[in-house]
């Protein structure tokens, strides 16, 4: 029986893979990798090949989603196959679907976890992880149409006094990565359409750029100030905090995310 091992690469570079993950790569017959679900700016394919001693076969979104991962599954029928995934392997639903197909074909699957942007960004912000509600993706507008989903999810979380983690749209094949500023402009536009007062320019937001790198940027401020803040290169993530903060969250935002002093008022 063949085997398919999903391995998380972590957040930023080829050095972020775990020792366990590297051992699995070295013992594999075939090594595939995808980089369409997230951007790893510090990842060098050539350096990874030197570290692992393995050739790496790159697969696209089309290969895994449109073609149902056949190129991977055909090899995994009778061989040990590894799929390298940015972050933690099963955060993206596309990998869950591939794992289901593999198991239905009689292919054994295993997971080697890696650092996830969700836990990393939450930890960097200083906000408490148990106070997060449903997460949401802010997509690029399509033909001028803006999805209402991010606004509705944030509104629901705020009504329950919960924070919202926002994934920002990635289109790796087009080399397009939604920035924090663009995402906030989308949210401000949605506020203008809905008029519920939950995402005005005065509301607090937290932007995280290049989590896991040496030049990570974490900045909390009013949305109107973050729109034009210089976060630098992607990948970017965004957190919309609850209306009320725990006093330790407020202190952490000021200390670790350079938040303005008025944030302390949100904990009273």
Protein backbone atom coordinates (compact mmCIF):
# COMPACT_ATOMS: atom_id res chain seq x y z
CA UNK A 1 0.00 0.00 0.00
CA UNK A 2 1.24 3.47 -0.87
CA UNK A 3 1.51 6.44 1.43
CA UNK A 4 0.97 10.19 1.20
CA UNK A 5 2.50 12.38 3.87
CA UNK A 6 1.39 16.02 4.16
CA UNK A 7 4.22 18.12 5.60
CA UNK A 8 3.88 21.70 6.84
CA UNK A 9 6.74 23.95 5.81
CA UNK A 10 6.05 26.68 8.35
CA UNK A 11 5.78 30.37 7.68
CA UNK A 12 8.67 31.95 5.85
CA UNK A 13 11.72 30.00 4.63
CA UNK A 14 13.14 26.57 3.86
CA UNK A 15 14.64 26.55 7.37
CA UNK A 16 11.18 26.45 8.98
CA UNK A 17 10.45 22.78 8.29
CA UNK A 18 10.63 20.56 11.38
CA UNK A 19 13.33 17.95 11.86
CA UNK A 20 10.62 15.30 11.67
CA UNK A 21 9.37 16.77 8.43
CA UNK A 22 12.87 16.83 6.95
CA UNK A 23 13.36 13.18 7.91
CA UNK A 24 10.15 12.27 6.09
CA UNK A 25 11.30 14.16 2.99
CA UNK A 26 14.62 12.33 2.94
CA UNK A 27 12.84 8.98 3.15
CA UNK A 28 10.30 9.70 0.39
CA UNK A 29 10.28 8.28 -3.12
CA UNK A 30 8.67 11.41 -4.57
CA UNK A 31 8.45 14.94 -3.16
CA UNK A 32 5.81 17.39 -4.37
CA UNK A 33 5.31 20.97 -3.22
CA UNK A 34 2.63 23.61 -3.70
CA UNK A 35 2.96 27.32 -3.05
CA UNK A 36 -0.41 28.61 -4.24
CA UNK A 37 -2.14 28.53 -0.84
CA UNK A 38 0.40 30.84 0.81
CA UNK A 39 3.51 32.87 0.07
CA UNK A 40 6.88 31.90 1.59
CA UNK A 41 9.19 34.76 0.51
CA UNK A 42 12.32 33.26 2.11
CA UNK A 43 11.90 29.78 0.64
CA UNK A 44 14.67 28.77 -1.77
CA UNK A 45 13.87 25.64 -3.77
CA UNK A 46 17.53 25.15 -4.63
CA UNK A 47 18.65 25.43 -1.01
CA UNK A 48 15.89 23.06 0.07
CA UNK A 49 17.10 20.53 -2.45
CA UNK A 50 20.59 20.79 -0.98
CA UNK A 51 19.30 20.36 2.58
CA UNK A 52 17.02 17.43 1.77
CA UNK A 53 18.94 15.76 -1.04
CA UNK A 54 15.70 15.45 -2.99
CA UNK A 55 14.31 16.85 -6.21
CA UNK A 56 11.04 18.68 -5.65
CA UNK A 57 8.15 18.57 -8.12
CA UNK A 58 6.08 21.76 -8.05
CA UNK A 59 2.32 21.41 -8.47
CA UNK A 60 -0.20 24.14 -9.23
CA UNK A 61 -3.71 24.86 -8.02
CA UNK A 62 -4.97 23.29 -11.25
CA UNK A 63 -3.05 20.07 -10.57
CA UNK A 64 -4.52 19.64 -7.08
CA UNK A 65 -8.00 21.14 -7.41
CA UNK A 66 -9.09 20.96 -11.05
CA UNK A 67 -7.33 17.65 -11.74
CA UNK A 68 -8.08 16.19 -8.29
CA UNK A 69 -4.40 15.72 -7.46
CA UNK A 70 -4.06 12.80 -9.88
CA UNK A 71 -0.36 13.44 -10.46
CA UNK A 72 0.25 12.98 -6.72
CA UNK A 73 -2.20 10.15 -6.09
CA UNK A 74 -0.95 8.04 -9.00
CA UNK A 75 2.56 8.07 -7.51
CA UNK A 76 1.22 7.43 -3.99
CA UNK A 77 -0.58 4.23 -5.01
CA UNK A 78 2.60 2.22 -4.62
CA UNK A 79 5.24 4.63 -3.31
CA UNK A 80 5.97 6.87 -0.37
CA UNK A 81 5.02 10.38 -1.46
CA UNK A 82 5.39 13.70 0.35
CA UNK A 83 3.42 16.86 -0.32
CA UNK A 84 5.05 20.00 1.06
CA UNK A 85 2.55 22.68 2.08
CA UNK A 86 3.14 26.22 3.38
CA UNK A 87 2.09 26.69 7.00
CA UNK A 88 0.18 23.82 8.57
CA UNK A 89 -0.98 21.20 6.04
CA UNK A 90 -4.73 20.98 6.66
CA UNK A 91 -5.61 24.62 7.23
CA UNK A 92 -6.51 24.86 3.53
CA UNK A 93 -9.61 22.84 2.61
CA UNK A 94 -8.02 21.85 -0.70
CA UNK A 95 -5.62 19.58 1.18
CA UNK A 96 -8.41 17.99 3.20
CA UNK A 97 -10.14 17.09 -0.08
CA UNK A 98 -6.91 15.53 -1.38
CA UNK A 99 -6.48 13.52 1.80
CA UNK A 100 -10.04 12.22 1.54
CA UNK A 101 -9.45 11.10 -2.06
CA UNK A 102 -6.24 9.36 -1.06
CA UNK A 103 -7.86 7.41 1.78
CA UNK A 104 -10.76 6.36 -0.46
CA UNK A 105 -8.19 4.94 -2.89
CA UNK A 106 -6.59 2.91 -0.12
CA UNK A 107 -3.58 5.20 0.22
CA UNK A 108 -2.43 5.68 3.79
CA UNK A 109 -2.08 9.33 4.82
CA UNK A 110 -0.13 10.97 7.62
CA UNK A 111 0.42 14.57 8.76
CA UNK A 112 3.56 16.37 9.92
CA UNK A 113 2.42 19.70 11.25
CA UNK A 114 4.10 23.05 10.77
CA UNK A 115 3.67 26.55 12.18
CA UNK A 116 0.37 28.13 11.15
CA UNK A 117 -0.21 31.77 10.31
CA UNK A 118 -3.28 31.71 12.55
CA UNK A 119 -1.42 30.86 15.75
CA UNK A 120 1.61 32.94 14.75
CA UNK A 121 -0.31 36.11 13.96
CA UNK A 122 -2.49 35.81 17.05
CA UNK A 123 0.57 35.28 19.22
CA UNK A 124 2.40 38.22 17.66
CA UNK A 125 -0.56 40.53 18.26
CA UNK A 126 -0.80 39.72 21.97
CA UNK A 127 -4.53 39.03 21.70
CA UNK A 128 -5.83 35.95 23.52
CA UNK A 129 -6.54 33.03 21.22
CA UNK A 130 -9.66 31.83 23.02
CA UNK A 131 -11.35 35.15 22.26
CA UNK A 132 -11.35 34.60 18.48
CA UNK A 133 -14.53 33.78 16.63
CA UNK A 134 -14.96 32.53 13.08
CA UNK A 135 -12.14 33.46 10.70
CA UNK A 136 -12.77 34.80 7.21
CA UNK A 137 -11.00 35.44 3.92
CA UNK A 138 -11.09 38.90 2.37
CA UNK A 139 -11.02 38.26 -1.40
CA UNK A 140 -10.05 40.48 -4.29
CA UNK A 141 -13.14 42.19 -5.76
CA UNK A 142 -14.48 40.43 -8.87
CA UNK A 143 -15.58 42.72 -11.70
CA UNK A 144 -16.10 45.49 -9.18
CA UNK A 145 -18.24 43.30 -6.93
CA UNK A 146 -17.20 43.05 -3.29
CA UNK A 147 -18.11 40.02 -1.19
CA UNK A 148 -20.27 40.83 1.84
CA UNK A 149 -19.04 37.78 3.75
CA UNK A 150 -16.10 39.46 5.57
CA UNK A 151 -18.36 42.22 6.87
CA UNK A 152 -21.03 39.78 8.04
CA UNK A 153 -18.52 37.52 9.81
CA UNK A 154 -16.84 40.45 11.56
CA UNK A 155 -20.24 41.85 12.57
CA UNK A 156 -21.26 38.49 14.05
CA UNK A 157 -18.00 38.16 15.98
CA UNK A 158 -18.17 41.71 17.29
CA UNK A 159 -21.74 41.09 18.50
CA UNK A 160 -20.30 38.26 20.61
CA UNK A 161 -17.31 40.41 21.71
CA UNK A 162 -14.88 38.21 19.76
CA UNK A 163 -11.87 38.97 17.58
CA UNK A 164 -11.75 38.10 13.86
CA UNK A 165 -8.74 36.70 12.03
CA UNK A 166 -8.78 37.67 8.35
CA UNK A 167 -6.92 35.73 5.69
CA UNK A 168 -6.01 37.98 2.76
CA UNK A 169 -6.57 36.68 -0.77
CA UNK A 170 -3.61 35.13 -2.61
CA UNK A 171 -3.41 34.50 -6.34
CA UNK A 172 0.08 33.09 -6.65
CA UNK A 173 -0.24 32.25 -10.35
CA UNK A 174 -0.91 35.93 -11.03
CA UNK A 175 1.64 37.14 -8.46
CA UNK A 176 -1.12 39.03 -6.68
CA UNK A 177 -1.30 39.24 -2.90
CA UNK A 178 -3.93 41.34 -1.15
CA UNK A 179 -2.30 43.84 1.20
CA UNK A 180 -3.49 45.05 4.58
CA UNK A 181 -4.22 48.49 3.14
CA UNK A 182 -6.28 47.05 0.29
CA UNK A 183 -8.19 44.79 2.69
CA UNK A 184 -9.02 47.72 4.98
CA UNK A 185 -10.23 49.78 2.03
CA UNK A 186 -12.54 46.90 1.12
CA UNK A 187 -13.87 46.78 4.68
CA UNK A 188 -14.40 50.56 4.75
CA UNK A 189 -16.31 50.27 1.47
CA UNK A 190 -18.48 47.53 2.98
CA UNK A 191 -19.14 49.74 6.01
CA UNK A 192 -20.26 52.52 3.70
CA UNK A 193 -22.65 50.10 1.99
CA UNK A 194 -24.02 48.56 5.19
CA UNK A 195 -23.81 51.56 7.52
CA UNK A 196 -23.82 49.57 10.77
CA UNK A 197 -20.91 51.45 12.33
CA UNK A 198 -18.76 48.39 13.07
CA UNK A 199 -15.88 49.11 10.68
CA UNK A 200 -15.52 52.86 10.63
CA UNK A 201 -12.13 54.52 10.25
CA UNK A 202 -11.89 55.01 14.02
CA UNK A 203 -12.18 51.29 14.83
CA UNK A 204 -9.11 49.28 15.87
CA UNK A 205 -7.33 46.86 13.54
CA UNK A 206 -4.06 44.91 13.72
CA UNK A 207 -1.87 44.23 10.69
CA UNK A 208 0.83 41.56 10.58
CA UNK A 209 3.34 41.36 7.73
CA UNK A 210 5.84 38.52 7.06
CA UNK A 211 5.16 36.51 10.20
CA UNK A 212 8.04 34.16 10.91
CA UNK A 213 10.66 36.38 9.29
CA UNK A 214 13.38 38.53 10.83
CA UNK A 215 11.66 41.70 9.58
CA UNK A 216 8.14 40.94 10.78
CA UNK A 217 5.92 44.00 11.22
CA UNK A 218 3.05 44.10 13.71
CA UNK A 219 1.06 47.31 13.95
CA UNK A 220 -2.21 48.16 15.69
CA UNK A 221 -4.05 51.43 15.13
CA UNK A 222 -7.27 52.96 13.90
CA UNK A 223 -8.28 51.63 10.50
CA UNK A 224 -7.96 55.08 8.91
CA UNK A 225 -4.29 55.20 9.98
CA UNK A 226 -3.43 51.65 8.93
CA UNK A 227 -4.77 52.03 5.39
CA UNK A 228 -1.60 53.85 4.30
CA UNK A 229 0.84 52.38 6.82
CA UNK A 230 4.02 50.96 5.29
CA UNK A 231 3.84 47.23 6.07
CA UNK A 232 6.22 46.34 3.24
CA UNK A 233 6.19 43.16 1.21
CA UNK A 234 3.63 40.36 1.63
CA UNK A 235 2.40 38.04 2.96
CA UNK A 236 0.02 40.12 5.07
CA UNK A 237 -2.64 39.17 7.62
CA UNK A 238 -5.28 41.23 9.37
CA UNK A 239 -7.04 41.03 12.73
CA UNK A 240 -10.17 42.98 13.64
CA UNK A 241 -10.36 43.00 17.46
CA UNK A 242 -13.52 42.82 19.53
CA UNK A 243 -15.13 46.01 20.83
CA UNK A 244 -13.84 45.28 24.33
CA UNK A 245 -10.35 44.09 25.28
CA UNK A 246 -8.96 42.31 28.30
CA UNK A 247 -6.56 44.68 30.07
CA UNK A 248 -3.64 42.36 29.27
CA UNK A 249 -4.60 42.38 25.58
CA UNK A 250 -4.59 46.18 25.59
CA UNK A 251 -1.17 46.27 27.24
CA UNK A 252 0.19 43.70 24.78
CA UNK A 253 -1.08 45.66 21.77
CA UNK A 254 0.63 48.80 23.05
CA UNK A 255 3.86 46.94 23.89
CA UNK A 256 4.14 44.55 20.94
CA UNK A 257 2.06 46.20 18.20
CA UNK A 258 2.83 49.88 18.84
CA UNK A 259 -0.85 50.59 19.47
CA UNK A 260 -1.90 54.10 20.58
CA UNK A 261 -2.58 54.68 24.27
CA UNK A 262 -6.33 55.06 23.71
CA UNK A 263 -6.49 51.28 23.27
CA UNK A 264 -6.38 51.02 27.09
CA UNK A 265 -9.83 52.64 27.15
CA UNK A 266 -11.18 49.57 25.32
CA UNK A 267 -10.39 47.46 28.40
CA UNK A 268 -12.43 49.53 30.84
